[in-house]
N, C-alpha and C. Protein backbone atom coordinates (compact mmCIF):
# COMPACT_ATOMS: atom_id res chain seq x y z
N MET A 1 0.84 -1.17 0.00
CA MET A 1 0.00 0.00 0.00
C MET A 1 0.89 1.24 0.00
N ASN A 2 0.61 2.14 -0.93
CA ASN A 2 1.32 3.41 -0.99
C ASN A 2 0.37 4.52 -0.57
N ILE A 3 0.83 5.37 0.33
CA ILE A 3 0.00 6.47 0.82
C ILE A 3 0.72 7.77 0.55
N LYS A 4 -0.02 8.72 -0.01
CA LYS A 4 0.51 10.06 -0.25
C LYS A 4 -0.45 11.07 0.34
N ILE A 5 0.11 12.14 0.87
CA ILE A 5 -0.70 13.25 1.36
C ILE A 5 -0.71 14.31 0.28
N LEU A 6 -1.88 14.65 -0.19
CA LEU A 6 -2.02 15.64 -1.25
C LEU A 6 -1.93 17.06 -0.68
N ASP A 7 -1.67 18.02 -1.55
CA ASP A 7 -1.56 19.41 -1.14
C ASP A 7 -2.85 19.95 -0.54
N LEU A 8 -3.95 19.24 -0.71
CA LEU A 8 -5.23 19.64 -0.15
C LEU A 8 -5.25 19.60 1.38
N CYS A 9 -4.30 18.90 1.97
CA CYS A 9 -4.26 18.69 3.42
C CYS A 9 -4.30 20.03 4.16
N VAL A 10 -5.22 20.10 5.15
CA VAL A 10 -5.34 21.30 5.97
C VAL A 10 -4.79 21.09 7.38
N GLY A 11 -4.25 19.90 7.63
CA GLY A 11 -3.63 19.61 8.92
C GLY A 11 -4.62 19.50 10.06
N CYS A 12 -5.83 19.01 9.78
CA CYS A 12 -6.86 18.92 10.82
C CYS A 12 -6.51 17.88 11.89
N GLY A 13 -5.72 16.88 11.54
CA GLY A 13 -5.28 15.88 12.51
C GLY A 13 -6.16 14.66 12.63
N ALA A 14 -7.22 14.57 11.85
CA ALA A 14 -8.11 13.42 11.93
C ALA A 14 -7.36 12.12 11.67
N CYS A 15 -6.49 12.11 10.68
CA CYS A 15 -5.74 10.89 10.36
C CYS A 15 -4.82 10.49 11.51
N ALA A 16 -4.20 11.47 12.14
CA ALA A 16 -3.29 11.18 13.26
C ALA A 16 -4.04 10.67 14.48
N ILE A 17 -5.30 11.06 14.63
CA ILE A 17 -6.11 10.55 15.73
C ILE A 17 -6.51 9.10 15.45
N ILE A 18 -6.86 8.80 14.21
CA ILE A 18 -7.29 7.46 13.84
C ILE A 18 -6.12 6.48 13.80
N SER A 19 -4.99 6.91 13.26
CA SER A 19 -3.83 6.02 13.15
C SER A 19 -2.54 6.78 13.49
N PRO A 20 -2.31 7.04 14.77
CA PRO A 20 -1.11 7.78 15.16
C PRO A 20 0.19 7.04 14.87
N GLU A 21 0.09 5.73 14.66
CA GLU A 21 1.28 4.95 14.32
C GLU A 21 1.79 5.28 12.92
N VAL A 22 0.91 5.73 12.05
CA VAL A 22 1.27 5.99 10.65
C VAL A 22 1.29 7.48 10.32
N PHE A 23 0.35 8.25 10.88
CA PHE A 23 0.22 9.66 10.53
C PHE A 23 0.61 10.57 11.69
N GLU A 24 1.22 11.68 11.34
CA GLU A 24 1.46 12.73 12.32
C GLU A 24 1.32 14.07 11.59
N ILE A 25 1.12 15.12 12.36
CA ILE A 25 0.99 16.45 11.78
C ILE A 25 2.30 17.20 12.01
N SER A 26 2.85 17.72 10.93
CA SER A 26 4.10 18.47 10.99
C SER A 26 3.97 19.68 10.07
N HIS A 27 4.20 20.85 10.61
CA HIS A 27 4.09 22.09 9.84
C HIS A 27 2.73 22.21 9.16
N ASN A 28 1.68 21.91 9.93
CA ASN A 28 0.29 22.04 9.48
C ASN A 28 -0.07 21.14 8.30
N LYS A 29 0.60 20.00 8.18
CA LYS A 29 0.29 19.05 7.13
C LYS A 29 0.58 17.64 7.65
N ALA A 30 -0.23 16.69 7.21
CA ALA A 30 -0.02 15.31 7.63
C ALA A 30 1.25 14.74 6.97
N VAL A 31 1.92 13.88 7.72
CA VAL A 31 3.12 13.19 7.24
C VAL A 31 2.90 11.71 7.49
N VAL A 32 3.37 10.88 6.56
CA VAL A 32 3.17 9.43 6.64
C VAL A 32 4.47 8.74 7.06
N ASN A 33 4.38 7.87 8.05
CA ASN A 33 5.50 7.02 8.43
C ASN A 33 5.38 5.74 7.60
N THR A 34 6.02 5.71 6.46
CA THR A 34 5.86 4.61 5.50
C THR A 34 6.30 3.26 6.05
N SER A 35 7.18 3.24 7.01
CA SER A 35 7.65 1.97 7.56
C SER A 35 6.60 1.27 8.43
N ARG A 36 5.54 1.99 8.81
CA ARG A 36 4.52 1.42 9.69
C ARG A 36 3.22 1.08 8.97
N ILE A 37 3.10 1.40 7.69
CA ILE A 37 1.84 1.21 6.96
C ILE A 37 1.38 -0.24 6.99
N GLU A 38 2.28 -1.17 6.74
CA GLU A 38 1.92 -2.58 6.58
C GLU A 38 1.13 -3.12 7.76
N ASN A 39 1.46 -2.72 8.95
CA ASN A 39 0.79 -3.23 10.15
C ASN A 39 -0.52 -2.53 10.48
N PHE A 40 -0.82 -1.44 9.77
CA PHE A 40 -1.99 -0.63 10.12
C PHE A 40 -2.82 -0.25 8.89
N GLU A 41 -2.88 -1.12 7.90
CA GLU A 41 -3.57 -0.80 6.64
C GLU A 41 -5.05 -0.48 6.86
N ASP A 42 -5.74 -1.23 7.70
CA ASP A 42 -7.15 -0.95 7.94
C ASP A 42 -7.37 0.44 8.51
N LEU A 43 -6.52 0.83 9.45
CA LEU A 43 -6.65 2.16 10.03
C LEU A 43 -6.29 3.25 9.02
N CYS A 44 -5.37 2.96 8.12
CA CYS A 44 -5.03 3.93 7.07
C CYS A 44 -6.22 4.16 6.14
N LEU A 45 -6.91 3.09 5.81
CA LEU A 45 -8.12 3.21 4.99
C LEU A 45 -9.18 4.02 5.72
N ASP A 46 -9.35 3.77 7.01
CA ASP A 46 -10.31 4.54 7.80
C ASP A 46 -9.93 6.02 7.82
N ALA A 47 -8.64 6.30 7.94
CA ALA A 47 -8.18 7.69 7.95
C ALA A 47 -8.48 8.37 6.61
N ALA A 48 -8.26 7.66 5.52
CA ALA A 48 -8.52 8.23 4.20
C ALA A 48 -10.00 8.52 4.01
N ILE A 49 -10.85 7.62 4.47
CA ILE A 49 -12.30 7.81 4.36
C ILE A 49 -12.76 8.98 5.22
N THR A 50 -12.14 9.14 6.37
CA THR A 50 -12.53 10.17 7.32
C THR A 50 -12.01 11.56 6.95
N CYS A 51 -10.94 11.63 6.19
CA CYS A 51 -10.32 12.92 5.86
C CYS A 51 -11.37 13.88 5.27
N PRO A 52 -11.57 15.04 5.89
CA PRO A 52 -12.62 15.96 5.44
C PRO A 52 -12.35 16.61 4.08
N VAL A 53 -11.11 16.61 3.64
CA VAL A 53 -10.78 17.24 2.35
C VAL A 53 -10.23 16.23 1.34
N ASN A 54 -10.36 14.94 1.65
CA ASN A 54 -9.89 13.87 0.76
C ASN A 54 -8.43 14.05 0.33
N ALA A 55 -7.58 14.34 1.31
CA ALA A 55 -6.18 14.62 1.04
C ALA A 55 -5.27 13.40 1.15
N ILE A 56 -5.84 12.23 1.44
CA ILE A 56 -5.04 11.02 1.57
C ILE A 56 -5.28 10.14 0.37
N SER A 57 -4.23 9.94 -0.40
CA SER A 57 -4.31 9.10 -1.59
C SER A 57 -3.70 7.75 -1.28
N ILE A 58 -4.47 6.69 -1.53
CA ILE A 58 -4.00 5.33 -1.25
C ILE A 58 -4.02 4.53 -2.55
N GLU A 59 -2.90 3.88 -2.82
CA GLU A 59 -2.78 2.99 -3.97
C GLU A 59 -2.32 1.64 -3.48
N GLU A 60 -2.97 0.59 -3.96
CA GLU A 60 -2.55 -0.77 -3.60
C GLU A 60 -1.31 -1.13 -4.42
N ASN A 61 -0.43 -1.91 -3.82
CA ASN A 61 0.79 -2.37 -4.52
C ASN A 61 0.46 -3.42 -5.53
């Protein structure tokens, strides 16, 4: 799974609340810890669905 944060991100922090193992907010934008995605794919999908501005792009490998 590949996850990218689009420029649409407003840094609301919803993704970091849902999956703090993978997402964090830095300089008012979400950042992805790519080394942790594999263990938390379900939560990453939940974060993408929950994102109010659809700023999380997920592509399956």
